Amino acid sequence: MNSEIKFKSLQELYDRILPALKSKARELHKKGMNYIYEEDIWNYLKRYKWTSSRSLDLGDMVNDIFNIEVQELDSYVKNEFRNYHRDVNRED
């Protein structure tokens, strides 16, 4: 019996693990890291952990979310802030 879950899109996968992402973000907010959001956790793991992994299942991904290296995530988010440039929209 094949109990593997297949997703039709990355958005569908994101939506499926969103409760775990929200839970981790709430945990980090309680620790004073109010600037880290679900999207940051997803982007960090997608870029640095999951791209080199093969045959990930939902359990592995949820485990990665809850056991993320907080200091590395914090550094990633702060670095992203440094690279973000706000511009004033002067168009009519």
N, C-alpha and C. Protein backbone atom coordinates (compact mmCIF):
# COMPACT_ATOMS: atom_id res chain seq x y z
N MET A 1 0.85 -1.19 0.00
CA MET A 1 0.00 0.00 0.00
C MET A 1 0.88 1.24 0.00
N ASN A 2 0.62 2.15 -0.89
CA ASN A 2 1.39 3.37 -1.01
C ASN A 2 0.66 4.48 -0.26
N SER A 3 1.22 4.91 0.87
CA SER A 3 0.58 5.96 1.68
C SER A 3 1.20 7.33 1.41
N GLU A 4 1.96 7.44 0.33
CA GLU A 4 2.62 8.67 -0.02
C GLU A 4 1.59 9.71 -0.48
N ILE A 5 1.73 10.93 0.00
CA ILE A 5 0.84 12.01 -0.39
C ILE A 5 1.53 12.82 -1.47
N LYS A 6 0.85 13.06 -2.55
CA LYS A 6 1.39 13.85 -3.65
C LYS A 6 0.70 15.21 -3.67
N PHE A 7 1.47 16.23 -3.99
CA PHE A 7 0.93 17.57 -4.09
C PHE A 7 1.05 18.06 -5.52
N LYS A 8 0.02 18.76 -5.96
CA LYS A 8 -0.01 19.24 -7.34
C LYS A 8 0.79 20.52 -7.53
N SER A 9 1.03 21.23 -6.44
CA SER A 9 1.76 22.49 -6.54
C SER A 9 2.49 22.77 -5.24
N LEU A 10 3.44 23.67 -5.33
CA LEU A 10 4.16 24.11 -4.15
C LEU A 10 3.22 24.83 -3.20
N GLN A 11 2.25 25.56 -3.75
CA GLN A 11 1.27 26.26 -2.92
C GLN A 11 0.44 25.27 -2.11
N GLU A 12 0.07 24.16 -2.72
CA GLU A 12 -0.70 23.14 -2.02
C GLU A 12 0.11 22.54 -0.86
N LEU A 13 1.39 22.31 -1.08
CA LEU A 13 2.27 21.81 -0.02
C LEU A 13 2.39 22.85 1.09
N TYR A 14 2.62 24.11 0.71
CA TYR A 14 2.73 25.18 1.70
C TYR A 14 1.47 25.25 2.56
N ASP A 15 0.32 25.20 1.91
CA ASP A 15 -0.95 25.26 2.64
C ASP A 15 -1.09 24.10 3.61
N ARG A 16 -0.58 22.95 3.23
CA ARG A 16 -0.69 21.75 4.08
C ARG A 16 0.17 21.86 5.34
N ILE A 17 1.36 22.47 5.22
CA ILE A 17 2.24 22.56 6.39
C ILE A 17 2.14 23.91 7.10
N LEU A 18 1.25 24.77 6.62
CA LEU A 18 1.07 26.10 7.23
C LEU A 18 0.77 26.04 8.73
N PRO A 19 -0.06 25.11 9.21
CA PRO A 19 -0.28 25.06 10.67
C PRO A 19 1.01 24.86 11.46
N ALA A 20 1.93 24.06 10.97
CA ALA A 20 3.22 23.87 11.66
C ALA A 20 4.05 25.14 11.60
N LEU A 21 4.03 25.81 10.45
CA LEU A 21 4.77 27.07 10.31
C LEU A 21 4.22 28.13 11.26
N LYS A 22 2.90 28.21 11.36
CA LYS A 22 2.27 29.19 12.27
C LYS A 22 2.62 28.89 13.71
N SER A 23 2.59 27.62 14.07
CA SER A 23 2.91 27.22 15.43
C SER A 23 4.35 27.60 15.79
N LYS A 24 5.27 27.35 14.89
CA LYS A 24 6.67 27.69 15.15
C LYS A 24 6.84 29.20 15.23
N ALA A 25 6.18 29.94 14.36
CA ALA A 25 6.27 31.40 14.40
C ALA A 25 5.74 31.93 15.73
N ARG A 26 4.62 31.38 16.22
CA ARG A 26 4.09 31.80 17.53
C ARG A 26 5.09 31.53 18.64
N GLU A 27 5.74 30.37 18.57
CA GLU A 27 6.76 30.03 19.57
C GLU A 27 7.90 31.04 19.55
N LEU A 28 8.34 31.41 18.36
CA LEU A 28 9.43 32.38 18.23
C LEU A 28 8.98 33.77 18.70
N HIS A 29 7.74 34.13 18.45
CA HIS A 29 7.22 35.43 18.90
C HIS A 29 7.23 35.49 20.43
N LYS A 30 6.91 34.39 21.07
CA LYS A 30 6.94 34.35 22.54
C LYS A 30 8.35 34.53 23.07
N LYS A 31 9.35 34.18 22.26
CA LYS A 31 10.75 34.35 22.66
C LYS A 31 11.29 35.72 22.25
N GLY A 32 10.40 36.60 21.77
CA GLY A 32 10.80 37.96 21.43
C GLY A 32 11.22 38.16 19.98
N MET A 33 11.06 37.15 19.16
CA MET A 33 11.45 37.26 17.74
C MET A 33 10.20 37.56 16.90
N ASN A 34 9.59 38.71 17.17
CA ASN A 34 8.34 39.09 16.51
C ASN A 34 8.51 39.38 15.03
N TYR A 35 9.71 39.50 14.56
CA TYR A 35 10.00 39.83 13.17
C TYR A 35 10.11 38.59 12.28
N ILE A 36 9.97 37.40 12.84
CA ILE A 36 10.05 36.17 12.05
C ILE A 36 8.63 35.66 11.81
N TYR A 37 8.31 35.45 10.55
CA TYR A 37 6.98 35.00 10.15
C TYR A 37 7.04 33.63 9.49
N GLU A 38 5.87 33.08 9.25
CA GLU A 38 5.77 31.75 8.62
C GLU A 38 6.55 31.71 7.31
N GLU A 39 6.42 32.77 6.53
CA GLU A 39 7.09 32.83 5.23
C GLU A 39 8.61 32.76 5.38
N ASP A 40 9.13 33.36 6.44
CA ASP A 40 10.57 33.35 6.67
C ASP A 40 11.06 31.92 6.96
N ILE A 41 10.30 31.21 7.77
CA ILE A 41 10.67 29.83 8.11
C ILE A 41 10.63 28.97 6.85
N TRP A 42 9.55 29.09 6.09
CA TRP A 42 9.41 28.36 4.83
C TRP A 42 10.56 28.67 3.87
N ASN A 43 10.83 29.96 3.65
CA ASN A 43 11.87 30.36 2.70
C ASN A 43 13.25 29.87 3.14
N TYR A 44 13.53 29.96 4.41
CA TYR A 44 14.82 29.49 4.93
C TYR A 44 14.99 27.99 4.69
N LEU A 45 13.99 27.22 5.10
CA LEU A 45 14.09 25.76 4.95
C LEU A 45 14.11 25.37 3.47
N LYS A 46 13.31 26.01 2.67
CA LYS A 46 13.25 25.70 1.24
C LYS A 46 14.61 25.98 0.59
N ARG A 47 15.22 27.07 0.98
CA ARG A 47 16.49 27.47 0.36
C ARG A 47 17.68 26.66 0.89
N TYR A 48 17.72 26.41 2.19
CA TYR A 48 18.93 25.84 2.78
C TYR A 48 18.83 24.38 3.23
N LYS A 49 17.65 23.87 3.42
CA LYS A 49 17.53 22.49 3.91
C LYS A 49 16.90 21.56 2.89
N TRP A 50 15.79 21.99 2.32
CA TRP A 50 15.02 21.08 1.49
C TRP A 50 15.51 20.98 0.07
N THR A 51 16.28 21.94 -0.42
CA THR A 51 16.76 21.86 -1.81
C THR A 51 17.72 20.70 -2.01
N SER A 52 18.45 20.35 -0.98
CA SER A 52 19.42 19.25 -1.10
C SER A 52 18.85 17.91 -0.66
N SER A 53 17.60 17.91 -0.21
CA SER A 53 16.98 16.68 0.27
C SER A 53 16.17 16.02 -0.84
N ARG A 54 16.14 14.72 -0.79
CA ARG A 54 15.35 13.93 -1.74
C ARG A 54 14.35 13.09 -0.97
N SER A 55 13.22 12.86 -1.55
CA SER A 55 12.18 12.01 -0.97
C SER A 55 11.72 12.49 0.40
N LEU A 56 11.54 13.79 0.53
CA LEU A 56 11.00 14.33 1.78
C LEU A 56 9.53 13.96 1.90
N ASP A 57 9.12 13.64 3.10
CA ASP A 57 7.69 13.46 3.32
C ASP A 57 7.22 14.53 4.30
N LEU A 58 5.92 14.61 4.49
CA LEU A 58 5.35 15.65 5.38
C LEU A 58 5.93 15.58 6.78
N GLY A 59 6.10 14.37 7.28
CA GLY A 59 6.65 14.21 8.63
C GLY A 59 8.04 14.80 8.75
N ASP A 60 8.88 14.58 7.73
CA ASP A 60 10.23 15.15 7.73
C ASP A 60 10.18 16.67 7.72
N MET A 61 9.29 17.21 6.90
CA MET A 61 9.20 18.66 6.78
C MET A 61 8.70 19.29 8.08
N VAL A 62 7.70 18.71 8.68
CA VAL A 62 7.18 19.23 9.96
C VAL A 62 8.25 19.11 11.04
N ASN A 63 8.98 18.01 11.04
CA ASN A 63 10.08 17.83 11.98
C ASN A 63 11.14 18.92 11.79
N ASP A 64 11.47 19.23 10.54
CA ASP A 64 12.44 20.30 10.26
C ASP A 64 11.94 21.64 10.76
N ILE A 65 10.65 21.89 10.62
CA ILE A 65 10.08 23.16 11.09
C ILE A 65 10.23 23.29 12.60
N PHE A 66 9.86 22.25 13.33
CA PHE A 66 9.88 22.33 14.78
C PHE A 66 11.29 22.23 15.37
N ASN A 67 12.23 21.71 14.61
CA ASN A 67 13.60 21.55 15.11
C ASN A 67 14.60 22.44 14.36
N ILE A 68 14.11 23.52 13.80
CA ILE A 68 14.95 24.43 13.05
C ILE A 68 16.01 25.05 13.96
N GLU A 69 17.18 25.31 13.41
CA GLU A 69 18.24 25.99 14.14
C GLU A 69 17.85 27.47 14.23
N VAL A 70 17.39 27.88 15.40
CA VAL A 70 16.83 29.21 15.57
C VAL A 70 17.86 30.30 15.28
N GLN A 71 19.08 30.11 15.72
CA GLN A 71 20.12 31.12 15.48
C GLN A 71 20.39 31.30 13.99
N GLU A 72 20.41 30.20 13.24
CA GLU A 72 20.63 30.28 11.80
C GLU A 72 19.44 30.97 11.11
N LEU A 73 18.24 30.63 11.53
CA LEU A 73 17.04 31.28 10.99
C LEU A 73 17.07 32.77 11.30
N ASP A 74 17.41 33.13 12.53
CA ASP A 74 17.50 34.53 12.94
C ASP A 74 18.51 35.28 12.07
N SER A 75 19.66 34.70 11.84
CA SER A 75 20.69 35.32 10.99
C SER A 75 20.18 35.49 9.56
N TYR A 76 19.51 34.46 9.06
CA TYR A 76 18.95 34.51 7.71
C TYR A 76 17.97 35.67 7.57
N VAL A 77 17.03 35.78 8.52
CA VAL A 77 16.01 36.82 8.45
C VAL A 77 16.65 38.21 8.55
N LYS A 78 17.58 38.37 9.47
CA LYS A 78 18.24 39.67 9.62
C LYS A 78 19.03 40.03 8.37
N ASN A 79 19.65 39.05 7.75
CA ASN A 79 20.38 39.30 6.50
C ASN A 79 19.41 39.70 5.39
N GLU A 80 18.26 39.06 5.34
CA GLU A 80 17.24 39.43 4.35
C GLU A 80 16.79 40.87 4.56
N PHE A 81 16.64 41.28 5.83
CA PHE A 81 16.27 42.67 6.13
C PHE A 81 17.33 43.63 5.60
N ARG A 82 18.58 43.29 5.78
CA ARG A 82 19.66 44.16 5.31
C ARG A 82 19.63 44.33 3.80
N ASN A 83 19.22 43.29 3.10
CA ASN A 83 19.19 43.33 1.64
C ASN A 83 17.91 43.93 1.08
N TYR A 84 16.95 44.19 1.94
CA TYR A 84 15.67 44.74 1.50
C TYR A 84 15.76 46.26 1.46
N HIS A 85 15.37 46.82 0.34
CA HIS A 85 15.41 48.27 0.18
C HIS A 85 13.99 48.79 -0.02
N ARG A 86 13.60 49.70 0.82
CA ARG A 86 12.29 50.31 0.68
C ARG A 86 12.42 51.53 -0.21
N ASP A 87 11.49 51.67 -1.11
CA ASP A 87 11.46 52.81 -1.99
C ASP A 87 10.14 53.54 -1.82
N VAL A 88 10.18 54.83 -1.93
CA VAL A 88 8.98 55.63 -1.89
C VAL A 88 8.34 55.57 -3.28
N ASN A 89 7.09 55.20 -3.33
CA ASN A 89 6.38 55.17 -4.60
C ASN A 89 5.94 56.59 -4.95
N ARG A 90 6.53 57.15 -5.96
CA ARG A 90 6.25 58.53 -6.35
C ARG A 90 5.40 58.61 -7.61
N GLU A 91 4.78 57.50 -7.97
CA GLU A 91 3.93 57.49 -9.17
C GLU A 91 2.53 57.98 -8.82
N ASP A 92 1.87 58.59 -9.81
CA ASP A 92 0.50 59.07 -9.60
C ASP A 92 -0.49 57.96 -9.73
